C-alpha atoms as a PDB file:
ATOM      1  CA  UNK A   1     121.137  83.321 114.813  1.00  0.00           C
ATOM      2  CA  UNK A   2     121.617  83.295 111.079  1.00  0.00           C
ATOM      3  CA  UNK A   3     125.011  82.852 109.374  1.00  0.00           C
ATOM      4  CA  UNK A   4     124.563  86.327 107.846  1.00  0.00           C
ATOM      5  CA  UNK A   5     124.299  87.988 111.265  1.00  0.00           C
ATOM      6  CA  UNK A   6     127.605  86.359 112.287  1.00  0.00           C
ATOM      7  CA  UNK A   7     129.555  88.015 109.448  1.00  0.00           C
ATOM      8  CA  UNK A   8     132.412  90.230 110.436  1.00  0.00           C
ATOM      9  CA  UNK A   9     131.588  93.758 109.308  1.00  0.00           C
ATOM     10  CA  UNK A  10     134.746  94.474 107.402  1.00  0.00           C
ATOM     11  CA  UNK A  11     135.564  97.885 106.024  1.00  0.00           C
ATOM     12  CA  UNK A  12     134.745  96.745 102.485  1.00  0.00           C
ATOM     13  CA  UNK A  13     131.277  95.613 103.600  1.00  0.00           C
ATOM     14  CA  UNK A  14     130.675  99.140 104.936  1.00  0.00           C
ATOM     15  CA  UNK A  15     132.683 101.184 102.436  1.00  0.00           C
ATOM     16  CA  UNK A  16     131.185  99.981  99.165  1.00  0.00           C
ATOM     17  CA  UNK A  17     127.586 100.629 100.168  1.00  0.00           C
ATOM     18  CA  UNK A  18     128.535 104.125 101.232  1.00  0.00           C
ATOM     19  CA  UNK A  19     130.209 104.517  97.841  1.00  0.00           C
ATOM     20  CA  UNK A  20     126.981 103.448  96.177  1.00  0.00           C
ATOM     21  CA  UNK A  21     124.914 105.932  98.136  1.00  0.00           C
ATOM     22  CA  UNK A  22     127.405 108.647  97.356  1.00  0.00           C
ATOM     23  CA  UNK A  23     127.252 107.848  93.677  1.00  0.00           C
ATOM     24  CA  UNK A  24     123.442 107.878  93.793  1.00  0.00           C
ATOM     25  CA  UNK A  25     123.486 111.288  95.489  1.00  0.00           C
ATOM     26  CA  UNK A  26     125.972 112.591  92.901  1.00  0.00           C
ATOM     27  CA  UNK A  27     123.955 111.346  89.942  1.00  0.00           C
ATOM     28  CA  UNK A  28     120.562 112.364  91.363  1.00  0.00           C
ATOM     29  CA  UNK A  29     122.013 115.859  92.021  1.00  0.00           C
ATOM     30  CA  UNK A  30     122.050 116.363  88.242  1.00  0.00           C
ATOM     31  CA  UNK A  31     118.267 116.064  88.154  1.00  0.00           C
ATOM     32  CA  UNK A  32     116.580 119.433  88.663  1.00  0.00           C
ATOM     33  CA  UNK A  33     113.669 120.025  90.969  1.00  0.00           C
ATOM     34  CA  UNK A  34     110.842 119.137  91.019  1.00  0.00           C
ATOM     35  CA  UNK A  35     111.805 116.087  88.906  1.00  0.00           C
ATOM     36  CA  UNK A  36     114.372 115.042  91.556  1.00  0.00           C
ATOM     37  CA  UNK A  37     111.731 114.775  94.231  1.00  0.00           C
ATOM     38  CA  UNK A  38     109.311 112.894  91.985  1.00  0.00           C
ATOM     39  CA  UNK A  39     112.047 110.446  90.830  1.00  0.00           C
ATOM     40  CA  UNK A  40     113.115 109.972  94.494  1.00  0.00           C
ATOM     41  CA  UNK A  41     109.542 109.150  95.556  1.00  0.00           C
ATOM     42  CA  UNK A  42     109.166 106.614  92.737  1.00  0.00           C
ATOM     43  CA  UNK A  43     112.561 105.104  93.521  1.00  0.00           C
ATOM     44  CA  UNK A  44     111.558 104.687  97.204  1.00  0.00           C
ATOM     45  CA  UNK A  45     108.331 102.949  96.128  1.00  0.00           C
ATOM     46  CA  UNK A  46     110.312 100.500  94.084  1.00  0.00           C
ATOM     47  CA  UNK A  47     112.710  99.807  96.963  1.00  0.00           C
ATOM     48  CA  UNK A  48     109.726  99.027  99.187  1.00  0.00           C
ATOM     49  CA  UNK A  49     109.025  95.954  96.999  1.00  0.00           C
ATOM     50  CA  UNK A  50     112.588  94.690  97.065  1.00  0.00           C
ATOM     51  CA  UNK A  51     111.925  91.850  99.487  1.00  0.00           C
ATOM     52  CA  UNK A  52     108.509  90.769  98.198  1.00  0.00           C
ATOM     53  CA  UNK A  53     109.845  87.503  96.740  1.00  0.00           C
ATOM     54  CA  UNK A  54     110.976  86.087 100.062  1.00  0.00           C
ATOM     55  CA  UNK A  55     111.453  86.828 103.703  1.00  0.00           C
ATOM     56  CA  UNK A  56     108.808  87.589 106.270  1.00  0.00           C
ATOM     57  CA  UNK A  57     105.732  86.390 104.483  1.00  0.00           C
ATOM     58  CA  UNK A  58     102.686  88.602 104.693  1.00  0.00           C
ATOM     59  CA  UNK A  59     104.657  91.160 106.673  1.00  0.00           C
ATOM     60  CA  UNK A  60     106.462  91.966 103.458  1.00  0.00           C
ATOM     61  CA  UNK A  61     103.156  93.220 101.970  1.00  0.00           C
ATOM     62  CA  UNK A  62     102.502  95.399 104.972  1.00  0.00           C
ATOM     63  CA  UNK A  63     105.958  96.895 104.789  1.00  0.00           C
ATOM     64  CA  UNK A  64     105.517  97.517 101.071  1.00  0.00           C
ATOM     65  CA  UNK A  65     102.224  99.314 101.761  1.00  0.00           C
ATOM     66  CA  UNK A  66     103.844 101.573 104.338  1.00  0.00           C
ATOM     67  CA  UNK A  67     106.696 102.406 102.009  1.00  0.00           C
ATOM     68  CA  UNK A  68     104.215 103.071  99.157  1.00  0.00           C
ATOM     69  CA  UNK A  69     102.324 105.487 101.423  1.00  0.00           C
ATOM     70  CA  UNK A  70     105.546 107.271 102.367  1.00  0.00           C
ATOM     71  CA  UNK A  71     106.582 107.437  98.698  1.00  0.00           C
ATOM     72  CA  UNK A  72     103.265 109.063  97.853  1.00  0.00           C
ATOM     73  CA  UNK A  73     103.738 111.576 100.658  1.00  0.00           C
ATOM     74  CA  UNK A  74     107.277 112.025  99.359  1.00  0.00           C
ATOM     75  CA  UNK A  75     105.951 113.565  96.138  1.00  0.00           C
ATOM     76  CA  UNK A  76     105.784 116.861  98.102  1.00  0.00           C
ATOM     77  CA  UNK A  77     107.735 116.122 101.276  1.00  0.00           C
ATOM     78  CA  UNK A  78     111.400 115.060 101.388  1.00  0.00           C
ATOM     79  CA  UNK A  79     111.038 114.084 105.091  1.00  0.00           C
ATOM     80  CA  UNK A  80     108.607 111.343 104.062  1.00  0.00           C
ATOM     81  CA  UNK A  81     111.222 109.971 101.650  1.00  0.00           C
ATOM     82  CA  UNK A  82     113.799 110.120 104.416  1.00  0.00           C
ATOM     83  CA  UNK A  83     111.549 108.273 106.800  1.00  0.00           C
ATOM     84  CA  UNK A  84     110.947 105.611 104.103  1.00  0.00           C
ATOM     85  CA  UNK A  85     114.668 105.072 103.653  1.00  0.00           C
ATOM     86  CA  UNK A  86     115.207 104.918 107.394  1.00  0.00           C
ATOM     87  CA  UNK A  87     112.475 102.245 107.654  1.00  0.00           C
ATOM     88  CA  UNK A  88     114.006 100.356 104.751  1.00  0.00           C
ATOM     89  CA  UNK A  89     117.305 100.369 106.721  1.00  0.00           C
ATOM     90  CA  UNK A  90     115.547  98.769 109.595  1.00  0.00           C
ATOM     91  CA  UNK A  91     113.952  96.163 107.311  1.00  0.00           C
ATOM     92  CA  UNK A  92     117.386  95.398 105.798  1.00  0.00           C
ATOM     93  CA  UNK A  93     118.830  94.856 109.291  1.00  0.00           C
ATOM     94  CA  UNK A  94     115.957  92.510 110.177  1.00  0.00           C
ATOM     95  CA  UNK A  95     116.584  90.493 106.973  1.00  0.00           C
ATOM     96  CA  UNK A  96     120.302  90.394 107.761  1.00  0.00           C
ATOM     97  CA  UNK A  97     119.691  89.162 111.320  1.00  0.00           C
ATOM     98  CA  UNK A  98     117.116  86.561 110.338  1.00  0.00           C
ATOM     99  CA  UNK A  99     118.989  85.181 107.308  1.00  0.00           C
ATOM    100  CA  UNK A 100     116.948  86.498 104.415  1.00  0.00           C
ATOM    101  CA  UNK A 101     119.425  88.619 102.405  1.00  0.00           C
ATOM    102  CA  UNK A 102     118.104  90.758  99.541  1.00  0.00           C
ATOM    103  CA  UNK A 103     120.476  88.850  97.191  1.00  0.00           C
ATOM    104  CA  UNK A 104     120.243  85.216  98.222  1.00  0.00           C
ATOM    105  CA  UNK A 105     123.741  84.241  97.155  1.00  0.00           C
ATOM    106  CA  UNK A 106     125.408  87.322  98.810  1.00  0.00           C
ATOM    107  CA  UNK A 107     125.245  86.992 102.562  1.00  0.00           C
ATOM    108  CA  UNK A 108     126.225  90.601 103.259  1.00  0.00           C
ATOM    109  CA  UNK A 109     123.776  92.149 100.756  1.00  0.00           C
ATOM    110  CA  UNK A 110     121.134  93.142 103.288  1.00  0.00           C
ATOM    111  CA  UNK A 111     123.581  94.745 105.755  1.00  0.00           C
ATOM    112  CA  UNK A 112     125.222  96.517 102.825  1.00  0.00           C
ATOM    113  CA  UNK A 113     121.822  97.716 101.676  1.00  0.00           C
ATOM    114  CA  UNK A 114     121.180  99.003 105.210  1.00  0.00           C
ATOM    115  CA  UNK A 115     124.346 101.081 105.119  1.00  0.00           C
ATOM    116  CA  UNK A 116     123.494 102.464 101.681  1.00  0.00           C
ATOM    117  CA  UNK A 117     119.942 103.260 102.683  1.00  0.00           C
ATOM    118  CA  UNK A 118     121.038 105.092 105.805  1.00  0.00           C
ATOM    119  CA  UNK A 119     123.246 107.341 103.622  1.00  0.00           C
ATOM    120  CA  UNK A 120     120.209 108.042 101.419  1.00  0.00           C
ATOM    121  CA  UNK A 121     117.973 108.727 104.392  1.00  0.00           C
ATOM    122  CA  UNK A 122     120.479 111.310 105.691  1.00  0.00           C
ATOM    123  CA  UNK A 123     120.544 113.100 102.312  1.00  0.00           C
ATOM    124  CA  UNK A 124     116.837 113.174 102.013  1.00  0.00           C
ATOM    125  CA  UNK A 125     116.402 114.339 105.610  1.00  0.00           C
ATOM    126  CA  UNK A 126     118.345 117.515 104.779  1.00  0.00           C
ATOM    127  CA  UNK A 127     116.143 118.113 101.755  1.00  0.00           C
ATOM    128  CA  UNK A 128     118.167 116.336  99.064  1.00  0.00           C
ATOM    129  CA  UNK A 129     120.254 119.370  98.003  1.00  0.00           C
ATOM    130  CA  UNK A 130     122.330 119.190  94.836  1.00  0.00           C
ATOM    131  CA  UNK A 131     125.994 118.644  95.538  1.00  0.00           C
ATOM    132  CA  UNK A 132     126.926 120.302  92.284  1.00  0.00           C
ATOM    133  CA  UNK A 133     125.654 123.786  93.121  1.00  0.00           C
ATOM    134  CA  UNK A 134     128.852 125.831  93.320  1.00  0.00           C
ATOM    135  CA  UNK A 135     128.560 129.557  93.961  1.00  0.00           C
ATOM    136  CA  UNK A 136     131.353 131.785  93.027  1.00  0.00           C
ATOM    137  CA  UNK A 137     131.887 134.892  95.098  1.00  0.00           C
ATOM    138  CA  UNK A 138     129.946 137.740  93.563  1.00  0.00           C
ATOM    139  CA  UNK A 139     129.072 141.085  95.044  1.00  0.00           C
ATOM    140  CA  UNK A 140     125.517 141.150  96.320  1.00  0.00           C
END
């Protein structure tokens, strides 16, 4: 068992990644469709390559290929983007458990990334709606 997997999951380890995902959703909500979906697909593709420098060897290339395929499908399907972020969450947890954090000098970085990615997956699963769309009561 790796030292990373023995970390106590303190509120700050869980809170700050949720704050990051909330900030991402808030900022991305300013981007209008269809640019939001295109940006999100490209962002997912980049995230798929996050662990290529170290970790699980050739498996990293396979994972990157799967995420790239989901990112491509995500150009017209938010569920594909959601699945990609959910898979990235699983990959983060595997890296956390096996001692290959995304940021080598920050032991909690992979588990923090998993929490953040799960928040993103949830938002994309519901279709990535803007959080800034406020409707004032008007007669229909």
